[in-house]
C-alpha cells in the first residue's frame, strides 16, 4: 500500500498527520472519507455508531499534502 503523510485541517482530526493511500501512479485522492467511532470507558461496552467525515485536498504543492475538513457525510 503506497502512502504519504498528510496533514488534516479542521474537523474531528484537526492537525493530525496520518498516512493516505495513493493511486498506482502515486497520485493522491481529491477527498478522503474517514470513519470515526469510540467508546467511553465505564459508560458502555458497545462502541458508538460510526460517523464518516470528509476531508478535501487543498492545492497540489504542499509538503506534507493538506486536506481540509468538508463536513460529516450522511
C-alpha atoms as a PDB file:
ATOM      1  CA  UNK A   1       0.000   0.000   0.000  1.00  0.00           C
ATOM      2  CA  UNK A   2       1.868   3.105  -1.135  1.00  0.00           C
ATOM      3  CA  UNK A   3       1.060   6.036   1.145  1.00  0.00           C
ATOM      4  CA  UNK A   4       2.204   9.536   2.027  1.00  0.00           C
ATOM      5  CA  UNK A   5       1.858  11.516   5.245  1.00  0.00           C
ATOM      6  CA  UNK A   6      -0.894  14.162   5.024  1.00  0.00           C
ATOM      7  CA  UNK A   7      -1.946  16.992   7.337  1.00  0.00           C
ATOM      8  CA  UNK A   8      -5.672  17.313   8.191  1.00  0.00           C
ATOM      9  CA  UNK A   9      -7.153  20.754   8.997  1.00  0.00           C
ATOM     10  CA  UNK A  10     -10.427  21.315  10.884  1.00  0.00           C
ATOM     11  CA  UNK A  11     -12.963  18.735  11.954  1.00  0.00           C
ATOM     12  CA  UNK A  12     -12.523  15.869  14.398  1.00  0.00           C
ATOM     13  CA  UNK A  13      -8.930  15.061  13.398  1.00  0.00           C
ATOM     14  CA  UNK A  14      -7.594  18.618  13.174  1.00  0.00           C
ATOM     15  CA  UNK A  15      -3.839  18.925  12.931  1.00  0.00           C
ATOM     16  CA  UNK A  16      -3.058  15.225  12.725  1.00  0.00           C
ATOM     17  CA  UNK A  17      -0.579  13.779  10.300  1.00  0.00           C
ATOM     18  CA  UNK A  18      -1.519  10.337   9.059  1.00  0.00           C
ATOM     19  CA  UNK A  19      -0.903   8.091   6.045  1.00  0.00           C
ATOM     20  CA  UNK A  20      -3.138   8.482   2.987  1.00  0.00           C
ATOM     21  CA  UNK A  21      -3.138   5.757   0.344  1.00  0.00           C
ATOM     22  CA  UNK A  22      -2.029   6.873  -3.113  1.00  0.00           C
ATOM     23  CA  UNK A  23      -3.092   5.594  -6.529  1.00  0.00           C
ATOM     24  CA  UNK A  24      -0.989   3.161  -8.587  1.00  0.00           C
ATOM     25  CA  UNK A  25       0.719   6.160 -10.229  1.00  0.00           C
ATOM     26  CA  UNK A  26       1.483   7.794  -6.856  1.00  0.00           C
ATOM     27  CA  UNK A  27      -1.289  10.391  -7.102  1.00  0.00           C
ATOM     28  CA  UNK A  28      -3.256  11.487  -4.027  1.00  0.00           C
ATOM     29  CA  UNK A  29      -7.061  11.258  -3.884  1.00  0.00           C
ATOM     30  CA  UNK A  30      -9.052  14.505  -4.114  1.00  0.00           C
ATOM     31  CA  UNK A  31     -11.061  13.577  -0.997  1.00  0.00           C
ATOM     32  CA  UNK A  32     -10.557  11.228   1.947  1.00  0.00           C
ATOM     33  CA  UNK A  33     -13.525   9.815   3.891  1.00  0.00           C
ATOM     34  CA  UNK A  34     -12.588   8.862   7.443  1.00  0.00           C
ATOM     35  CA  UNK A  35     -14.805   6.749   9.714  1.00  0.00           C
ATOM     36  CA  UNK A  36     -14.664   7.511  13.427  1.00  0.00           C
ATOM     37  CA  UNK A  37     -16.196   5.782  16.442  1.00  0.00           C
ATOM     38  CA  UNK A  38     -15.482   5.484  20.118  1.00  0.00           C
ATOM     39  CA  UNK A  39     -16.356   4.048  23.500  1.00  0.00           C
ATOM     40  CA  UNK A  40     -16.493   5.945  26.775  1.00  0.00           C
ATOM     41  CA  UNK A  41     -14.780   3.756  29.364  1.00  0.00           C
ATOM     42  CA  UNK A  42     -17.241   2.662  32.029  1.00  0.00           C
ATOM     43  CA  UNK A  43     -20.305   4.053  30.241  1.00  0.00           C
ATOM     44  CA  UNK A  44     -20.956   1.223  27.807  1.00  0.00           C
ATOM     45  CA  UNK A  45     -19.376  -1.921  26.476  1.00  0.00           C
ATOM     46  CA  UNK A  46     -20.512  -1.180  22.918  1.00  0.00           C
ATOM     47  CA  UNK A  47     -18.857   1.221  20.515  1.00  0.00           C
ATOM     48  CA  UNK A  48     -20.914   4.183  19.398  1.00  0.00           C
ATOM     49  CA  UNK A  49     -22.154   4.364  15.803  1.00  0.00           C
ATOM     50  CA  UNK A  50     -19.560   5.025  13.120  1.00  0.00           C
ATOM     51  CA  UNK A  51     -19.619   8.576  11.734  1.00  0.00           C
ATOM     52  CA  UNK A  52     -17.942   9.330   8.407  1.00  0.00           C
ATOM     53  CA  UNK A  53     -16.160  12.636   7.803  1.00  0.00           C
ATOM     54  CA  UNK A  54     -14.846  14.010   4.509  1.00  0.00           C
ATOM     55  CA  UNK A  55     -11.591  15.909   4.025  1.00  0.00           C
ATOM     56  CA  UNK A  56     -10.850  17.558   0.655  1.00  0.00           C
ATOM     57  CA  UNK A  57      -7.349  18.069  -0.724  1.00  0.00           C
ATOM     58  CA  UNK A  58      -6.044  21.655  -0.700  1.00  0.00           C
ATOM     59  CA  UNK A  59      -3.773  22.518  -3.626  1.00  0.00           C
ATOM     60  CA  UNK A  60      -1.107  20.237  -5.021  1.00  0.00           C
ATOM     61  CA  UNK A  61       2.210  21.657  -3.851  1.00  0.00           C
ATOM     62  CA  UNK A  62       2.043  21.447  -0.059  1.00  0.00           C
ATOM     63  CA  UNK A  63       4.509  19.404   1.990  1.00  0.00           C
ATOM     64  CA  UNK A  64       3.044  17.455   3.603  1.00  0.00           C
ATOM     65  CA  UNK A  65      -0.100  17.389   1.452  1.00  0.00           C
ATOM     66  CA  UNK A  66      -3.034  19.078   3.223  1.00  0.00           C
ATOM     67  CA  UNK A  67      -6.677  18.003   3.403  1.00  0.00           C
ATOM     68  CA  UNK A  68      -9.330  20.440   4.760  1.00  0.00           C
ATOM     69  CA  UNK A  69     -12.461  19.316   6.636  1.00  0.00           C
ATOM     70  CA  UNK A  70     -15.550  19.332   4.373  1.00  0.00           C
ATOM     71  CA  UNK A  71     -18.178  18.049   6.817  1.00  0.00           C
ATOM     72  CA  UNK A  72     -19.916  14.954   8.023  1.00  0.00           C
ATOM     73  CA  UNK A  73     -21.233  12.519   5.428  1.00  0.00           C
ATOM     74  CA  UNK A  74     -24.883  11.415   5.587  1.00  0.00           C
END
